[in-house]
N, C-alpha and C. Protein backbone atom coordinates (compact mmCIF):
# COMPACT_ATOMS: atom_id res chain seq x y z
N MET A 1 96.17 109.54 97.76
CA MET A 1 96.13 108.37 97.96
C MET A 1 97.62 107.59 98.59
N ARG A 2 97.49 106.82 99.54
CA ARG A 2 98.55 106.32 100.21
C ARG A 2 99.03 105.11 99.56
N LEU A 3 100.35 104.99 99.64
CA LEU A 3 100.91 103.45 99.28
C LEU A 3 101.23 102.74 100.66
N ALA A 4 100.95 101.72 100.73
CA ALA A 4 101.40 100.70 101.86
C ALA A 4 102.19 99.19 101.55
N PRO A 5 103.48 99.54 101.36
CA PRO A 5 103.99 98.21 101.11
C PRO A 5 103.75 97.01 101.99
N SER A 6 103.41 95.92 101.18
CA SER A 6 103.07 94.73 102.19
C SER A 6 104.64 94.17 102.42
N LEU A 7 104.86 93.97 103.32
CA LEU A 7 106.40 93.24 103.72
C LEU A 7 106.43 91.88 103.77
N LEU A 8 105.36 91.16 103.31
CA LEU A 8 105.03 89.68 103.18
C LEU A 8 105.94 89.55 101.56
N ALA A 9 105.87 90.56 101.20
CA ALA A 9 106.62 90.24 99.55
C ALA A 9 108.02 90.66 99.39
N ALA A 10 108.65 91.31 100.57
CA ALA A 10 110.18 91.52 100.50
C ALA A 10 110.62 90.44 100.79
N ASP A 11 112.19 90.25 100.57
CA ASP A 11 113.15 89.26 101.01
C ASP A 11 113.65 89.20 102.23
N PHE A 12 113.12 88.49 102.91
CA PHE A 12 113.06 88.21 104.30
C PHE A 12 114.56 88.25 104.97
N SER A 13 115.41 87.79 103.90
CA SER A 13 116.74 87.78 104.11
C SER A 13 117.29 89.06 104.40
N ARG A 14 116.38 90.34 103.74
CA ARG A 14 116.87 91.71 103.60
C ARG A 14 115.76 92.39 104.01
N LEU A 15 115.27 91.95 105.16
CA LEU A 15 113.81 92.63 105.38
C LEU A 15 114.13 94.16 105.98
N GLY A 16 115.04 94.24 106.86
CA GLY A 16 115.47 95.69 107.61
C GLY A 16 115.71 96.40 106.19
N GLU A 17 116.60 96.06 105.56
CA GLU A 17 117.12 96.72 104.40
C GLU A 17 116.11 97.45 103.37
N GLN A 18 115.12 96.31 102.97
CA GLN A 18 114.19 96.72 102.23
C GLN A 18 113.00 97.66 102.88
N THR A 19 113.03 97.32 103.97
CA THR A 19 112.05 98.26 104.86
C THR A 19 112.72 99.93 104.87
N ARG A 20 113.76 99.59 105.18
CA ARG A 20 114.32 101.04 105.35
C ARG A 20 114.24 102.01 103.93
N ALA A 21 114.36 101.05 102.57
CA ALA A 21 114.40 101.49 101.26
C ALA A 21 113.06 102.18 101.19
N ALA A 22 111.92 101.62 101.40
CA ALA A 22 110.52 102.02 101.39
C ALA A 22 110.36 103.07 102.26
N LEU A 23 111.10 103.24 103.24
CA LEU A 23 111.04 104.58 104.30
C LEU A 23 111.56 105.60 103.67
N GLU A 24 112.54 105.47 103.00
CA GLU A 24 113.58 106.55 102.75
C GLU A 24 112.92 107.00 101.45
N ALA A 25 112.05 106.18 100.63
CA ALA A 25 111.18 106.79 99.59
C ALA A 25 110.20 107.30 99.85
N GLY A 26 109.64 107.75 101.23
CA GLY A 26 108.69 108.91 101.39
C GLY A 26 107.61 107.81 102.15
N ILE A 27 107.51 106.60 101.93
CA ILE A 27 106.60 105.55 102.60
C ILE A 27 106.22 105.95 104.20
N ASP A 28 105.03 106.26 104.54
CA ASP A 28 104.85 106.23 105.95
C ASP A 28 104.08 105.31 106.51
N TRP A 29 103.29 104.37 105.48
CA TRP A 29 102.61 103.12 105.86
C TRP A 29 103.15 101.94 105.59
N LEU A 30 103.25 101.00 106.64
CA LEU A 30 103.93 99.38 106.30
C LEU A 30 103.01 98.76 106.58
N HIS A 31 102.65 97.68 105.76
CA HIS A 31 101.54 96.74 105.67
C HIS A 31 102.18 95.43 106.10
N LEU A 32 101.57 94.85 107.05
CA LEU A 32 101.99 93.23 107.88
C LEU A 32 101.13 92.21 107.66
N ASP A 33 101.20 91.21 106.79
CA ASP A 33 100.13 90.43 106.76
C ASP A 33 100.43 89.15 107.53
N VAL A 34 99.51 88.76 108.42
CA VAL A 34 99.63 87.73 109.51
C VAL A 34 98.65 86.57 109.07
N MET A 35 99.49 85.54 108.90
CA MET A 35 98.43 84.23 108.33
C MET A 35 98.79 83.01 109.24
N ASP A 36 97.78 82.27 109.52
CA ASP A 36 97.75 81.45 110.37
C ASP A 36 97.84 79.80 109.88
N GLY A 37 97.54 79.57 108.45
CA GLY A 37 97.62 78.33 108.01
C GLY A 37 96.22 77.88 107.89
N GLN A 38 95.24 78.37 108.69
CA GLN A 38 94.07 78.26 108.80
C GLN A 38 93.17 78.89 108.54
N PHE A 39 92.94 80.18 108.39
CA PHE A 39 91.80 81.21 107.83
C PHE A 39 92.42 81.27 106.66
N VAL A 40 93.68 81.36 106.13
CA VAL A 40 94.05 81.22 104.67
C VAL A 40 94.97 80.14 104.90
N PRO A 41 95.73 79.47 103.61
CA PRO A 41 96.40 78.40 103.49
C PRO A 41 98.06 78.62 103.75
N ASN A 42 98.31 79.70 104.06
CA ASN A 42 99.52 80.26 104.05
C ASN A 42 100.17 80.48 105.43
N ILE A 43 101.48 80.56 105.93
CA ILE A 43 101.85 80.78 106.81
C ILE A 43 103.10 81.81 107.00
N SER A 44 102.77 83.13 107.83
CA SER A 44 103.70 83.94 107.48
C SER A 44 104.42 84.20 108.97
N PHE A 45 104.12 85.21 109.55
CA PHE A 45 104.75 85.70 110.91
C PHE A 45 104.15 86.18 112.03
N GLY A 46 104.57 86.47 113.17
CA GLY A 46 103.88 86.84 114.17
C GLY A 46 104.34 88.07 114.92
N PRO A 47 104.05 88.20 116.09
CA PRO A 47 104.41 89.69 116.69
C PRO A 47 105.91 89.89 116.81
N LEU A 48 106.77 88.72 116.53
CA LEU A 48 108.16 89.23 116.94
C LEU A 48 108.81 90.23 115.73
N VAL A 49 108.06 89.72 114.71
CA VAL A 49 108.53 90.54 113.43
C VAL A 49 108.10 91.80 113.67
N VAL A 50 106.70 92.39 113.82
CA VAL A 50 106.45 93.54 114.32
C VAL A 50 107.12 94.38 115.20
N ALA A 51 107.46 93.63 116.29
CA ALA A 51 108.45 94.01 117.20
C ALA A 51 109.77 94.39 116.78
N ALA A 52 110.35 93.77 115.72
CA ALA A 52 111.46 93.89 115.29
C ALA A 52 111.68 95.29 114.33
N LEU A 53 110.51 95.57 113.90
CA LEU A 53 110.36 96.62 112.84
C LEU A 53 109.92 97.85 113.64
N LYS A 54 109.72 97.64 114.64
CA LYS A 54 108.75 98.90 115.39
C LYS A 54 110.00 100.32 115.52
N PRO A 55 111.16 99.61 116.10
CA PRO A 55 112.23 100.97 116.12
C PRO A 55 112.16 101.80 114.76
N LEU A 56 112.74 100.83 113.76
CA LEU A 56 112.76 101.45 112.38
C LEU A 56 111.49 102.43 111.90
N ALA A 57 110.39 101.85 111.93
CA ALA A 57 109.22 102.66 111.81
C ALA A 57 108.70 103.73 112.71
N ARG A 58 109.71 103.88 113.89
CA ARG A 58 109.35 104.68 114.87
C ARG A 58 110.42 105.78 114.35
N GLU A 59 111.68 105.38 113.82
CA GLU A 59 112.70 106.52 113.38
C GLU A 59 111.77 107.27 112.04
N PHE A 60 111.02 106.52 111.33
CA PHE A 60 110.76 107.45 110.42
C PHE A 60 108.90 107.86 110.77
N ASN A 61 108.76 107.67 111.83
CA ASN A 61 107.08 107.91 112.19
C ASN A 61 106.26 107.47 111.18
N ALA A 62 106.43 105.92 110.98
CA ALA A 62 105.77 105.42 110.16
C ALA A 62 104.72 104.63 111.03
N THR A 63 103.40 104.05 110.11
CA THR A 63 102.42 103.75 110.95
C THR A 63 102.62 102.04 110.47
N LEU A 64 102.58 101.09 111.36
CA LEU A 64 102.69 99.51 111.46
C LEU A 64 100.98 99.06 111.17
N ASP A 65 100.75 98.66 110.02
CA ASP A 65 99.41 98.49 109.79
C ASP A 65 99.34 96.84 109.56
N VAL A 66 98.86 96.28 110.64
CA VAL A 66 98.82 94.53 110.79
C VAL A 66 97.54 94.11 110.36
N HIS A 67 97.39 93.01 109.74
CA HIS A 67 96.42 92.68 108.88
C HIS A 67 96.62 91.21 109.46
N LEU A 68 95.36 90.90 110.45
CA LEU A 68 95.37 89.72 111.03
C LEU A 68 94.59 88.50 110.12
N MET A 69 95.10 87.93 109.18
CA MET A 69 94.33 86.83 108.63
C MET A 69 94.61 85.50 109.32
N ILE A 70 93.74 85.64 110.47
CA ILE A 70 93.59 84.76 111.19
C ILE A 70 92.51 84.08 112.12
N VAL A 71 92.25 83.13 112.46
CA VAL A 71 90.81 82.68 113.14
C VAL A 71 90.98 83.18 114.54
N GLN A 72 89.88 83.46 115.09
CA GLN A 72 90.20 83.70 116.60
C GLN A 72 90.99 84.74 116.80
N PRO A 73 91.05 86.15 116.17
CA PRO A 73 91.97 87.01 116.07
C PRO A 73 92.12 87.67 117.63
N GLU A 74 90.91 87.46 118.19
CA GLU A 74 91.17 88.08 119.62
C GLU A 74 92.11 87.71 120.52
N ARG A 75 92.45 86.16 120.26
CA ARG A 75 93.70 85.65 121.29
C ARG A 75 94.82 86.25 121.03
N TYR A 76 95.09 86.90 120.10
CA TYR A 76 96.35 87.71 119.83
C TYR A 76 96.73 89.12 119.61
N LEU A 77 95.22 89.87 120.01
CA LEU A 77 95.29 91.37 119.69
C LEU A 77 96.48 91.98 120.72
N ALA A 78 96.20 91.62 122.02
CA ALA A 78 97.16 92.16 122.88
C ALA A 78 98.65 92.13 122.71
N ASP A 79 99.13 90.70 121.99
CA ASP A 79 100.47 90.63 121.79
C ASP A 79 100.79 91.25 120.65
N PHE A 80 100.24 91.68 119.30
CA PHE A 80 100.27 92.69 118.71
C PHE A 80 100.38 93.92 118.95
N ALA A 81 99.54 94.42 119.58
CA ALA A 81 99.67 95.87 120.36
C ALA A 81 100.59 96.10 121.04
N GLN A 82 101.11 94.97 121.86
CA GLN A 82 102.43 95.30 122.67
C GLN A 82 103.59 95.20 121.77
N ALA A 83 103.36 94.44 120.54
CA ALA A 83 104.54 94.44 119.84
C ALA A 83 105.03 95.65 119.03
N GLY A 84 103.97 96.66 119.06
CA GLY A 84 104.06 97.83 118.27
C GLY A 84 103.04 98.15 117.03
N ALA A 85 102.08 97.49 116.95
CA ALA A 85 101.03 97.74 115.61
C ALA A 85 100.39 99.06 116.00
N ASP A 86 100.17 99.58 115.23
CA ASP A 86 99.41 101.15 115.27
C ASP A 86 97.93 100.93 114.75
N VAL A 87 97.70 99.85 113.69
CA VAL A 87 96.41 99.57 113.65
C VAL A 87 96.60 97.99 113.36
N ILE A 88 95.60 97.44 113.84
CA ILE A 88 95.15 95.89 114.01
C ILE A 88 93.81 95.89 113.26
N THR A 89 93.94 94.92 111.94
CA THR A 89 92.61 94.87 111.25
C THR A 89 92.42 93.35 111.62
N VAL A 90 90.97 92.78 111.67
CA VAL A 90 90.49 91.54 111.93
C VAL A 90 89.80 91.36 110.66
N HIS A 91 89.27 90.22 110.23
CA HIS A 91 88.36 89.89 108.91
C HIS A 91 87.01 89.64 109.95
N VAL A 92 85.76 89.90 109.33
CA VAL A 92 84.63 89.94 109.80
C VAL A 92 84.32 88.07 109.52
N GLU A 93 85.03 87.50 108.55
CA GLU A 93 84.62 86.35 108.42
C GLU A 93 85.59 85.41 109.37
N ALA A 94 86.44 85.66 110.25
CA ALA A 94 87.39 85.18 111.19
C ALA A 94 86.64 85.04 112.42
N THR A 95 85.83 85.93 112.88
CA THR A 95 85.29 86.19 114.17
C THR A 95 83.80 86.48 114.00
N PRO A 96 83.22 85.46 115.05
CA PRO A 96 81.98 85.85 115.27
C PRO A 96 81.32 86.99 116.18
N HIS A 97 82.44 87.73 116.87
CA HIS A 97 82.20 89.06 117.76
C HIS A 97 82.92 89.91 117.23
N VAL A 98 82.77 90.54 115.89
CA VAL A 98 83.61 91.47 115.25
C VAL A 98 83.64 92.70 116.43
N HIS A 99 82.38 93.34 116.88
CA HIS A 99 82.23 94.50 117.31
C HIS A 99 82.99 94.31 118.81
N ARG A 100 83.15 92.97 119.71
CA ARG A 100 83.83 92.85 120.36
C ARG A 100 85.33 93.06 120.23
N ALA A 101 85.69 92.20 119.39
CA ALA A 101 87.55 92.66 118.44
C ALA A 101 87.58 94.15 118.45
N VAL A 102 86.72 94.75 117.86
CA VAL A 102 87.05 96.16 117.56
C VAL A 102 87.42 97.01 118.95
N GLN A 103 86.29 96.86 119.79
CA GLN A 103 86.58 97.44 121.31
C GLN A 103 87.62 97.09 121.97
N ALA A 104 87.96 95.79 121.93
CA ALA A 104 89.39 95.69 122.50
C ALA A 104 90.32 96.06 121.56
N ILE A 105 90.62 96.26 120.48
CA ILE A 105 91.52 96.62 120.05
C ILE A 105 91.70 98.21 120.34
N HIS A 106 90.85 99.05 120.49
CA HIS A 106 90.61 100.05 120.70
C HIS A 106 90.99 100.45 122.18
N HIS A 107 90.57 99.48 123.17
CA HIS A 107 91.07 99.54 124.46
C HIS A 107 92.46 99.18 124.75
N LEU A 108 93.09 98.42 123.47
CA LEU A 108 94.62 98.36 123.74
C LEU A 108 95.28 99.85 123.25
N GLY A 109 94.76 100.83 122.74
CA GLY A 109 95.30 102.08 122.46
C GLY A 109 95.59 101.77 120.95
N VAL A 110 94.90 101.08 120.06
CA VAL A 110 95.54 100.91 118.75
C VAL A 110 94.16 101.36 117.99
N ARG A 111 94.36 101.64 116.56
CA ARG A 111 93.11 101.95 115.82
C ARG A 111 92.81 100.56 115.19
N ALA A 112 91.25 100.38 114.88
CA ALA A 112 90.79 99.33 114.65
C ALA A 112 90.25 98.93 113.21
N GLY A 113 90.58 98.23 112.57
CA GLY A 113 90.03 98.07 111.01
C GLY A 113 89.21 96.66 110.96
N VAL A 114 88.59 96.43 109.89
CA VAL A 114 88.00 95.39 109.53
C VAL A 114 88.00 94.98 108.19
N ALA A 115 88.36 93.73 107.57
CA ALA A 115 88.61 93.28 106.50
C ALA A 115 87.37 92.52 106.05
N LEU A 116 87.31 92.62 104.69
CA LEU A 116 86.39 91.74 104.02
C LEU A 116 87.18 91.03 102.67
N ASN A 117 86.81 89.69 102.72
CA ASN A 117 87.20 88.99 101.84
C ASN A 117 86.35 89.26 100.46
N PRO A 118 86.80 88.66 99.35
CA PRO A 118 86.12 89.21 97.96
C PRO A 118 84.76 88.96 97.83
N ALA A 119 84.15 87.75 98.34
CA ALA A 119 82.76 87.39 98.33
C ALA A 119 81.94 87.75 99.03
N THR A 120 82.56 88.52 100.19
CA THR A 120 81.56 88.98 101.36
C THR A 120 80.92 90.30 101.46
N SER A 121 79.95 90.64 101.72
CA SER A 121 79.01 91.18 101.01
C SER A 121 79.31 92.72 102.09
N LEU A 122 79.27 93.73 101.32
CA LEU A 122 79.50 95.05 102.22
C LEU A 122 78.40 95.30 103.39
N THR A 123 77.48 94.49 103.25
CA THR A 123 76.11 94.45 104.26
C THR A 123 76.83 94.19 105.92
N THR A 124 77.62 93.67 105.84
CA THR A 124 78.39 92.79 107.03
C THR A 124 78.96 94.01 107.54
N LEU A 125 79.30 95.10 106.93
CA LEU A 125 80.12 96.11 107.72
C LEU A 125 78.79 97.18 108.42
N ASP A 126 77.71 97.18 108.09
CA ASP A 126 76.43 98.02 108.15
C ASP A 126 76.66 98.56 109.64
N GLU A 127 76.51 97.55 110.96
CA GLU A 127 76.73 98.06 112.46
C GLU A 127 77.83 98.60 112.75
N ILE A 128 79.00 98.02 112.06
CA ILE A 128 80.37 98.18 112.80
C ILE A 128 81.03 99.27 112.15
N LEU A 129 80.77 99.79 110.84
CA LEU A 129 81.28 100.88 110.36
C LEU A 129 81.78 102.10 111.01
N PRO A 130 80.78 102.59 111.57
CA PRO A 130 81.12 103.76 112.68
C PRO A 130 82.14 103.63 113.61
N GLU A 131 82.30 102.42 114.23
CA GLU A 131 83.37 101.90 115.17
C GLU A 131 84.67 101.88 114.54
N VAL A 132 84.92 101.95 113.48
CA VAL A 132 86.22 101.44 112.97
C VAL A 132 86.94 102.71 112.42
N ASP A 133 88.54 102.60 112.20
CA ASP A 133 89.22 103.39 111.79
C ASP A 133 89.72 103.59 110.27
N LEU A 134 89.06 101.89 110.02
CA LEU A 134 89.66 101.44 108.59
C LEU A 134 88.79 100.16 108.31
N ALA A 135 88.54 100.47 107.12
CA ALA A 135 87.59 99.29 106.31
C ALA A 135 88.68 98.79 105.21
N LEU A 136 88.83 97.39 104.95
CA LEU A 136 89.80 96.96 104.06
C LEU A 136 89.10 96.19 103.20
N ILE A 137 89.18 95.92 101.80
CA ILE A 137 88.71 95.24 100.83
C ILE A 137 89.51 94.61 99.94
N MET A 138 89.69 93.18 100.19
CA MET A 138 90.71 92.26 99.82
C MET A 138 90.05 92.15 98.16
N THR A 139 91.27 92.63 97.07
CA THR A 139 90.80 92.52 95.96
C THR A 139 91.24 91.32 95.38
N VAL A 140 92.02 90.17 96.13
CA VAL A 140 92.20 89.00 95.62
C VAL A 140 91.98 88.23 96.80
N ASN A 141 91.82 86.62 96.51
CA ASN A 141 91.28 85.93 97.68
C ASN A 141 92.48 85.90 98.32
N PRO A 142 92.48 86.17 99.62
CA PRO A 142 93.74 86.08 100.77
C PRO A 142 94.51 84.79 100.48
N GLY A 143 96.10 84.85 100.83
CA GLY A 143 96.64 84.06 101.27
C GLY A 143 98.05 83.65 100.47
N PHE A 144 98.00 84.43 99.38
CA PHE A 144 99.42 84.31 98.53
C PHE A 144 99.50 85.50 97.93
N GLY A 145 100.57 86.14 97.84
CA GLY A 145 101.08 87.23 97.12
C GLY A 145 101.06 87.15 95.47
N GLY A 146 101.26 87.97 94.63
CA GLY A 146 101.27 88.13 93.58
C GLY A 146 100.11 87.73 92.66
N GLN A 147 98.86 87.65 93.22
CA GLN A 147 97.77 87.23 92.58
C GLN A 147 97.24 88.41 91.89
N SER A 148 96.26 88.21 90.78
CA SER A 148 95.65 89.52 90.02
C SER A 148 94.65 90.16 90.68
N PHE A 149 94.56 91.34 90.30
CA PHE A 149 93.43 92.10 91.04
C PHE A 149 92.31 91.62 90.33
N ILE A 150 91.24 91.42 91.14
CA ILE A 150 89.78 90.82 90.68
C ILE A 150 88.95 92.15 90.17
N ALA A 151 89.03 92.37 88.93
CA ALA A 151 88.42 93.67 88.49
C ALA A 151 87.03 94.17 88.93
N THR A 152 86.15 93.20 88.86
CA THR A 152 84.57 93.46 89.48
C THR A 152 84.66 94.10 90.78
N LEU A 153 85.68 93.78 91.53
CA LEU A 153 85.70 94.32 93.15
C LEU A 153 85.93 96.21 92.61
N GLU A 154 86.38 96.67 91.80
CA GLU A 154 85.88 98.00 91.95
C GLU A 154 84.80 98.81 92.11
N ARG A 155 83.72 97.94 91.77
CA ARG A 155 82.42 98.32 92.10
C ARG A 155 82.25 98.49 93.54
N LYS A 156 82.59 97.24 94.55
CA LYS A 156 82.52 97.29 95.45
C LYS A 156 83.15 98.35 96.26
N ILE A 157 84.45 98.66 95.77
CA ILE A 157 85.18 99.89 96.31
C ILE A 157 84.43 101.19 96.35
N ALA A 158 83.98 101.52 95.13
CA ALA A 158 83.12 102.61 94.89
C ALA A 158 81.82 102.66 95.73
N ALA A 159 81.17 101.52 95.89
CA ALA A 159 79.89 101.17 96.76
C ALA A 159 80.21 101.69 98.37
N LEU A 160 81.46 101.06 98.93
CA LEU A 160 81.82 101.66 99.86
C LEU A 160 82.27 103.02 100.17
N ARG A 161 82.93 103.63 99.26
CA ARG A 161 83.30 104.95 98.99
C ARG A 161 82.01 105.77 99.36
N GLN A 162 80.95 105.43 98.33
CA GLN A 162 79.68 106.05 98.67
C GLN A 162 79.10 106.09 100.01
N THR A 163 79.16 104.72 100.51
CA THR A 163 78.73 104.70 101.72
C THR A 163 79.16 105.34 102.92
N LEU A 164 80.33 105.44 103.12
CA LEU A 164 81.20 106.31 103.76
C LEU A 164 80.62 107.95 103.58
N THR A 165 80.61 108.36 102.39
CA THR A 165 80.15 109.74 102.00
C THR A 165 78.78 110.08 102.91
N GLU A 166 77.98 109.27 102.30
CA GLU A 166 76.57 109.48 102.61
C GLU A 166 76.48 109.28 104.55
N ARG A 167 77.12 108.44 104.97
CA ARG A 167 77.16 108.34 106.30
C ARG A 167 78.26 109.42 107.12
N ASN A 168 78.61 110.41 106.48
CA ASN A 168 79.71 111.04 107.38
C ASN A 168 80.48 110.46 108.02
N LEU A 169 81.47 109.48 107.36
CA LEU A 169 82.33 108.56 107.59
C LEU A 169 83.76 108.54 106.99
N GLU A 170 83.81 109.83 106.45
CA GLU A 170 84.97 110.32 105.70
C GLU A 170 86.41 109.86 106.43
N ARG A 171 86.39 109.99 107.65
CA ARG A 171 87.51 109.48 108.69
C ARG A 171 87.92 108.33 108.24
N VAL A 172 86.88 107.40 107.92
CA VAL A 172 87.50 105.86 107.77
C VAL A 172 88.32 105.63 106.73
N GLU A 173 89.46 105.34 107.01
CA GLU A 173 90.47 104.91 105.47
C GLU A 173 89.77 103.68 105.01
N LEU A 174 89.60 103.70 103.40
CA LEU A 174 89.27 102.66 102.76
C LEU A 174 90.51 101.94 102.29
N GLU A 175 90.92 101.05 102.50
CA GLU A 175 92.08 100.22 102.14
C GLU A 175 91.85 99.40 101.38
N VAL A 176 92.69 99.00 100.11
CA VAL A 176 92.50 97.79 99.25
C VAL A 176 93.50 97.10 99.22
N ASP A 177 93.57 95.84 99.02
CA ASP A 177 94.79 94.54 99.33
C ASP A 177 94.81 93.67 98.58
N GLY A 178 95.70 93.61 97.27
CA GLY A 178 95.78 92.45 96.43
C GLY A 178 95.75 92.85 95.09
N GLY A 179 96.87 92.36 94.40
CA GLY A 179 97.04 92.70 92.94
C GLY A 179 97.32 93.98 92.49
N ILE A 180 97.78 94.65 93.43
CA ILE A 180 97.70 96.00 93.04
C ILE A 180 99.23 96.33 92.57
N ASN A 181 99.43 96.99 91.35
CA ASN A 181 100.48 97.09 90.52
C ASN A 181 100.84 98.53 89.79
N ARG A 182 101.19 98.72 88.90
CA ARG A 182 101.20 100.11 88.15
C ARG A 182 99.98 100.17 87.15
N ASP A 183 99.50 99.03 86.77
CA ASP A 183 98.29 98.99 85.92
C ASP A 183 96.66 98.71 86.79
N THR A 184 96.80 98.53 87.90
CA THR A 184 95.83 98.66 88.60
C THR A 184 95.57 99.49 89.71
N VAL A 185 96.70 100.67 90.43
CA VAL A 185 96.78 101.30 91.36
C VAL A 185 95.77 102.33 91.00
N ALA A 186 95.91 103.25 90.14
CA ALA A 186 94.87 104.17 89.60
C ALA A 186 93.77 104.05 89.71
N ARG A 187 93.19 102.77 89.33
CA ARG A 187 91.84 102.19 88.80
C ARG A 187 91.13 102.28 90.53
N ALA A 188 92.36 101.87 91.65
CA ALA A 188 91.65 101.30 92.98
C ALA A 188 91.32 102.84 93.29
N ALA A 189 92.39 103.65 92.90
CA ALA A 189 92.21 105.10 93.77
C ALA A 189 91.20 105.66 93.02
N GLN A 190 90.85 105.66 91.86
CA GLN A 190 89.82 106.42 91.08
C GLN A 190 88.32 105.79 91.83
N ALA A 191 88.17 104.35 92.00
CA ALA A 191 87.27 103.85 92.54
C ALA A 191 87.13 104.45 94.15
N GLY A 192 87.48 104.98 94.95
CA GLY A 192 87.68 105.54 96.11
C GLY A 192 88.62 105.18 96.92
N ALA A 193 89.43 104.36 96.89
CA ALA A 193 90.46 103.51 97.86
C ALA A 193 91.23 104.94 98.32
N SER A 194 91.53 104.89 99.64
CA SER A 194 92.52 106.09 100.01
C SER A 194 93.95 105.05 100.53
N ILE A 195 93.93 103.88 100.96
CA ILE A 195 95.28 103.28 101.02
C ILE A 195 95.16 102.20 100.02
N ALA A 196 96.56 102.01 99.53
CA ALA A 196 96.69 100.75 98.31
C ALA A 196 97.77 99.88 98.95
N VAL A 197 97.53 98.43 99.26
CA VAL A 197 98.68 97.56 99.52
C VAL A 197 99.22 97.55 98.28
N ALA A 198 100.63 97.60 98.14
CA ALA A 198 100.96 96.60 97.01
C ALA A 198 102.68 95.95 97.85
N GLY A 199 102.40 94.62 97.28
CA GLY A 199 103.83 93.81 97.46
C GLY A 199 104.38 93.45 96.56
N SER A 200 104.37 92.68 95.51
CA SER A 200 105.42 92.59 94.53
C SER A 200 105.76 93.58 93.80
N ALA A 201 104.84 94.62 93.56
CA ALA A 201 105.05 95.76 92.74
C ALA A 201 106.00 96.38 93.25
N VAL A 202 106.14 96.22 94.58
CA VAL A 202 107.21 97.32 95.43
C VAL A 202 108.55 96.28 95.47
N PHE A 203 108.71 95.11 95.86
CA PHE A 203 109.71 94.20 96.26
C PHE A 203 109.87 93.57 95.07
N ASN A 204 110.45 94.10 94.12
CA ASN A 204 110.81 92.93 93.15
C ASN A 204 112.31 93.27 92.78
N ARG A 205 112.86 93.07 91.31
CA ARG A 205 113.88 92.82 91.08
C ARG A 205 114.64 94.65 91.09
N GLN A 206 113.81 95.39 90.77
CA GLN A 206 114.16 96.79 90.58
C GLN A 206 114.38 97.54 92.29
N PRO A 207 115.02 98.50 92.40
CA PRO A 207 115.34 99.37 93.40
C PRO A 207 113.85 99.39 94.09
N VAL A 208 113.94 99.33 95.34
CA VAL A 208 112.40 99.91 95.90
C VAL A 208 111.85 101.19 95.81
N GLY A 209 112.77 102.15 95.91
CA GLY A 209 112.42 103.24 95.69
C GLY A 209 111.84 103.55 94.05
N GLU A 210 112.49 103.15 93.15
CA GLU A 210 112.10 103.17 91.67
C GLU A 210 110.73 102.55 91.86
N ASN A 211 110.34 101.75 92.21
CA ASN A 211 109.14 100.89 92.14
C ASN A 211 107.96 101.82 92.75
N ILE A 212 108.52 102.20 93.81
CA ILE A 212 107.31 103.06 94.79
C ILE A 212 107.09 104.75 93.76
N LYS A 213 108.10 104.98 93.20
CA LYS A 213 107.99 106.16 92.51
C LYS A 213 107.01 105.99 91.05
N GLY A 214 107.26 104.99 90.71
CA GLY A 214 106.39 104.64 89.30
C GLY A 214 105.19 104.18 89.84
N LEU A 215 104.70 103.57 91.14
CA LEU A 215 103.31 103.44 91.39
C LEU A 215 102.63 104.92 91.44
N GLN A 216 103.40 105.84 92.22
CA GLN A 216 102.86 106.99 92.19
C GLN A 216 102.64 108.07 91.34
N GLU A 217 103.68 107.65 90.17
CA GLU A 217 103.50 108.36 89.12
C GLU A 217 102.37 107.94 88.27
N LYS A 218 101.91 106.75 88.52
CA LYS A 218 100.49 106.16 87.73
C LYS A 218 99.40 106.79 88.48
N ILE A 219 99.55 106.81 89.80
CA ILE A 219 98.31 107.67 90.61
C ILE A 219 98.01 109.05 90.01
N LEU A 220 99.16 109.61 89.76
CA LEU A 220 99.13 111.26 89.56
C LEU A 220 98.93 111.58 88.11
N GLY A 221 99.28 110.31 87.39
CA GLY A 221 98.83 110.52 85.85
C GLY A 221 97.34 110.21 85.51
N MET A 222 96.55 109.69 86.91
CA MET A 222 95.24 109.49 86.46
C MET A 222 94.52 110.68 87.22
N GLY A 223 95.40 111.66 87.86
CA GLY A 223 94.71 112.89 88.38
C GLY A 223 94.05 112.89 89.69
N VAL A 224 94.98 111.48 90.22
CA VAL A 224 94.49 111.17 91.89
C VAL A 224 95.93 111.59 92.42
N GLN A 225 95.62 112.31 93.73
CA GLN A 225 96.86 112.92 94.22
C GLN A 225 97.25 111.69 95.16
N ALA A 226 98.85 111.32 94.90
CA ALA A 226 99.62 110.22 95.74
C ALA A 226 100.07 111.20 97.21
N THR A 227 99.85 110.38 98.15
CA THR A 227 100.32 111.03 99.37
C THR A 227 101.44 109.53 99.96
N HIS A 228 102.39 110.09 100.63
CA HIS A 228 103.19 109.14 101.14
C HIS A 228 102.76 108.87 102.71
């Protein structure tokens, strides 16, 4: 299981420093939550932050995983691709043309993901799942960091993992985002997630490297292999 620190939880006055600390701890996926104040109630950042982090990510051969929590994401796909995104994920709830958005992301030479809010049914992925590289299940209601993992969504994660297996789509990454900490990371892994996004559990008062190590130890302690 791969950990993807969410940079939204970092100290923005020390963003480069804290990002480097995560990369030096062995992390090779960085999660960037883009919010527009419409699809979710908060506002975060745009392509300029992605572009600023790209040289650092390239130095460590790390993936920039950009999660667009914005309405009509098609308007900005080219901007984020040009800024250096390696993966761009759009919400099925944010556009009536998910297939077109996924095609556009791939046309830009970027891996494509689709995301579901907690109350959105997995059936919304039935037609698009073979076309994507990543499926993201939100395990909190999006918009703010520091929320608690919604325990009932473990069944949703497990159901999607079963679907990916039955449809021979194991290549599709199954990412979870929200409330991931030392108490929940192993549960997400056991349910079938292959990537766990962790924000405040990584960027808190302890050194970033120690937080990452603690999360990985929890995964390994449950018999699930942690990868960087």
